[in-house]
C-alpha atoms as a PDB file:
ATOM      1  CA  UNK A   1       0.843   4.107  -8.252  1.00  0.00           C
ATOM      2  CA  UNK A   2       4.609   3.819  -7.985  1.00  0.00           C
ATOM      3  CA  UNK A   3       4.693   6.203  -5.009  1.00  0.00           C
ATOM      4  CA  UNK A   4       2.018   4.158  -3.271  1.00  0.00           C
ATOM      5  CA  UNK A   5       3.815   0.891  -3.972  1.00  0.00           C
ATOM      6  CA  UNK A   6       7.250   2.095  -2.902  1.00  0.00           C
ATOM      7  CA  UNK A   7       5.840   3.805   0.187  1.00  0.00           C
ATOM      8  CA  UNK A   8       3.977   0.692   1.254  1.00  0.00           C
ATOM      9  CA  UNK A   9       6.995  -1.524   0.732  1.00  0.00           C
ATOM     10  CA  UNK A  10       9.226   0.848   2.693  1.00  0.00           C
ATOM     11  CA  UNK A  11       6.663   0.978   5.478  1.00  0.00           C
ATOM     12  CA  UNK A  12       6.507  -2.809   5.674  1.00  0.00           C
ATOM     13  CA  UNK A  13      10.307  -3.062   5.641  1.00  0.00           C
ATOM     14  CA  UNK A  14      11.204  -0.229   8.017  1.00  0.00           C
ATOM     15  CA  UNK A  15       8.118  -0.145  10.268  1.00  0.00           C
ATOM     16  CA  UNK A  16       9.019  -3.148  12.455  1.00  0.00           C
ATOM     17  CA  UNK A  17      12.607  -1.946  12.829  1.00  0.00           C
ATOM     18  CA  UNK A  18      11.421   1.514  13.901  1.00  0.00           C
ATOM     19  CA  UNK A  19       8.814   0.037  16.262  1.00  0.00           C
ATOM     20  CA  UNK A  20      11.375  -2.266  17.870  1.00  0.00           C
ATOM     21  CA  UNK A  21      13.806   0.611  18.371  1.00  0.00           C
ATOM     22  CA  UNK A  22      11.125   2.834  19.893  1.00  0.00           C
ATOM     23  CA  UNK A  23       9.784   0.124  22.209  1.00  0.00           C
ATOM     24  CA  UNK A  24      13.290  -0.827  23.351  1.00  0.00           C
ATOM     25  CA  UNK A  25      14.199   2.810  24.017  1.00  0.00           C
ATOM     26  CA  UNK A  26      10.996   4.337  25.393  1.00  0.00           C
ATOM     27  CA  UNK A  27       8.681   1.446  26.212  1.00  0.00           C
ATOM     28  CA  UNK A  28       5.313   0.844  24.632  1.00  0.00           C
ATOM     29  CA  UNK A  29       4.422   4.557  24.707  1.00  0.00           C
ATOM     30  CA  UNK A  30       7.374   5.184  22.397  1.00  0.00           C
ATOM     31  CA  UNK A  31       5.389   3.778  19.488  1.00  0.00           C
ATOM     32  CA  UNK A  32       3.401   7.020  19.450  1.00  0.00           C
ATOM     33  CA  UNK A  33       6.436   8.484  17.674  1.00  0.00           C
ATOM     34  CA  UNK A  34       5.521   6.356  14.649  1.00  0.00           C
ATOM     35  CA  UNK A  35       2.818   8.925  13.915  1.00  0.00           C
ATOM     36  CA  UNK A  36       5.484  11.500  13.000  1.00  0.00           C
ATOM     37  CA  UNK A  37       6.564   9.923   9.651  1.00  0.00           C
ATOM     38  CA  UNK A  38       2.918   9.602   8.640  1.00  0.00           C
ATOM     39  CA  UNK A  39       2.230  13.262   9.341  1.00  0.00           C
ATOM     40  CA  UNK A  40       5.417  14.334   7.569  1.00  0.00           C
ATOM     41  CA  UNK A  41       4.648  12.339   4.428  1.00  0.00           C
ATOM     42  CA  UNK A  42       1.033  13.495   4.535  1.00  0.00           C
ATOM     43  CA  UNK A  43       2.215  17.111   4.599  1.00  0.00           C
ATOM     44  CA  UNK A  44       4.628  16.474   1.719  1.00  0.00           C
ATOM     45  CA  UNK A  45       1.857  14.950  -0.393  1.00  0.00           C
ATOM     46  CA  UNK A  46      -0.589  17.698   0.559  1.00  0.00           C
ATOM     47  CA  UNK A  47       1.795  20.435  -0.575  1.00  0.00           C
ATOM     48  CA  UNK A  48       2.845  18.596  -3.732  1.00  0.00           C
ATOM     49  CA  UNK A  49      -0.641  17.549  -4.895  1.00  0.00           C
ATOM     50  CA  UNK A  50      -0.651  20.072  -7.742  1.00  0.00           C
ATOM     51  CA  UNK A  51       2.719  18.856  -8.953  1.00  0.00           C
ATOM     52  CA  UNK A  52       1.633  15.220  -8.736  1.00  0.00           C
ATOM     53  CA  UNK A  53      -1.724  15.638 -10.485  1.00  0.00           C
ATOM     54  CA  UNK A  54      -0.801  18.379 -12.980  1.00  0.00           C
ATOM     55  CA  UNK A  55       0.509  16.101 -15.771  1.00  0.00           C
ATOM     56  CA  UNK A  56      -2.461  13.759 -15.371  1.00  0.00           C
ATOM     57  CA  UNK A  57      -5.015  16.550 -15.696  1.00  0.00           C
ATOM     58  CA  UNK A  58      -3.118  17.971 -18.673  1.00  0.00           C
ATOM     59  CA  UNK A  59      -3.167  14.614 -20.438  1.00  0.00           C
ATOM     60  CA  UNK A  60      -6.923  14.266 -19.948  1.00  0.00           C
ATOM     61  CA  UNK A  61      -7.700  17.743 -21.231  1.00  0.00           C
ATOM     62  CA  UNK A  62      -5.550  17.518 -24.377  1.00  0.00           C
ATOM     63  CA  UNK A  63      -6.696  14.178 -25.794  1.00  0.00           C
ATOM     64  CA  UNK A  64     -10.178  13.753 -27.212  1.00  0.00           C
ATOM     65  CA  UNK A  65     -12.284  11.040 -25.650  1.00  0.00           C
ATOM     66  CA  UNK A  66     -12.734   8.021 -27.891  1.00  0.00           C
ATOM     67  CA  UNK A  67     -15.432   5.418 -27.574  1.00  0.00           C
ATOM     68  CA  UNK A  68     -14.080   2.224 -26.147  1.00  0.00           C
ATOM     69  CA  UNK A  69     -15.441  -1.139 -27.179  1.00  0.00           C
ATOM     70  CA  UNK A  70     -17.370  -3.018 -24.503  1.00  0.00           C
ATOM     71  CA  UNK A  71     -15.475  -5.484 -22.344  1.00  0.00           C
ATOM     72  CA  UNK A  72     -15.702  -9.002 -23.714  1.00  0.00           C
ATOM     73  CA  UNK A  73     -16.664 -12.000 -21.595  1.00  0.00           C
ATOM     74  CA  UNK A  74     -13.161 -13.423 -22.053  1.00  0.00           C
ATOM     75  CA  UNK A  75     -11.558 -10.263 -20.643  1.00  0.00           C
ATOM     76  CA  UNK A  76     -14.004 -10.184 -17.745  1.00  0.00           C
ATOM     77  CA  UNK A  77     -13.362 -13.845 -16.925  1.00  0.00           C
ATOM     78  CA  UNK A  78      -9.591 -13.262 -17.041  1.00  0.00           C
ATOM     79  CA  UNK A  79      -9.927 -10.322 -14.671  1.00  0.00           C
ATOM     80  CA  UNK A  80     -12.089 -12.307 -12.244  1.00  0.00           C
ATOM     81  CA  UNK A  81      -9.583 -15.185 -12.217  1.00  0.00           C
ATOM     82  CA  UNK A  82      -6.753 -12.740 -11.527  1.00  0.00           C
ATOM     83  CA  UNK A  83      -8.693 -11.085  -8.696  1.00  0.00           C
ATOM     84  CA  UNK A  84      -9.476 -14.508  -7.218  1.00  0.00           C
ATOM     85  CA  UNK A  85      -5.815 -15.515  -7.268  1.00  0.00           C
ATOM     86  CA  UNK A  86      -4.803 -12.254  -5.592  1.00  0.00           C
ATOM     87  CA  UNK A  87      -7.456 -12.726  -2.888  1.00  0.00           C
ATOM     88  CA  UNK A  88      -6.361 -16.304  -2.171  1.00  0.00           C
ATOM     89  CA  UNK A  89      -2.705 -15.257  -2.052  1.00  0.00           C
ATOM     90  CA  UNK A  90      -3.510 -12.427   0.356  1.00  0.00           C
ATOM     91  CA  UNK A  91      -5.564 -14.692   2.640  1.00  0.00           C
ATOM     92  CA  UNK A  92      -2.735 -17.224   2.714  1.00  0.00           C
ATOM     93  CA  UNK A  93      -0.129 -14.568   3.422  1.00  0.00           C
ATOM     94  CA  UNK A  94      -2.150 -12.942   6.203  1.00  0.00           C
ATOM     95  CA  UNK A  95      -2.932 -16.336   7.702  1.00  0.00           C
ATOM     96  CA  UNK A  96       0.741 -17.231   7.848  1.00  0.00           C
ATOM     97  CA  UNK A  97       1.777 -13.818   9.125  1.00  0.00           C
ATOM     98  CA  UNK A  98      -0.672 -14.094  12.019  1.00  0.00           C
ATOM     99  CA  UNK A  99      -0.173 -17.806  12.697  1.00  0.00           C
ATOM    100  CA  UNK A 100       3.621 -18.199  12.648  1.00  0.00           C
ATOM    101  CA  UNK A 101       4.331 -15.866  15.624  1.00  0.00           C
ATOM    102  CA  UNK A 102       1.871 -17.818  17.796  1.00  0.00           C
ATOM    103  CA  UNK A 103       3.370 -21.081  16.586  1.00  0.00           C
ATOM    104  CA  UNK A 104       6.853 -19.947  17.642  1.00  0.00           C
ATOM    105  CA  UNK A 105       5.558 -18.762  21.022  1.00  0.00           C
ATOM    106  CA  UNK A 106       4.117 -22.195  21.790  1.00  0.00           C
ATOM    107  CA  UNK A 107       7.013 -24.259  20.451  1.00  0.00           C
END
């Protein structure tokens, strides 16, 4: 999860800078070069999949499975409220991210 989170944050932070540099240097076709980091990281993850999943598989095979109590209504309601808040936050963020550039173009 941490690799996914850090990778996504780096992509959001560095992606526009890389795209701007490529478009300024090579035109719109220069953005095809943005495929290269994706392929490189994909290859790194493909070759390190055993290393990444080894400790997880080891942990599951060594511990006996215990019966878990059923999820209570209170826990389920808390989870649904949390999911709802995350959805509303994401809709608001995406709405602003898509609206503000058009607002600045017109004004």
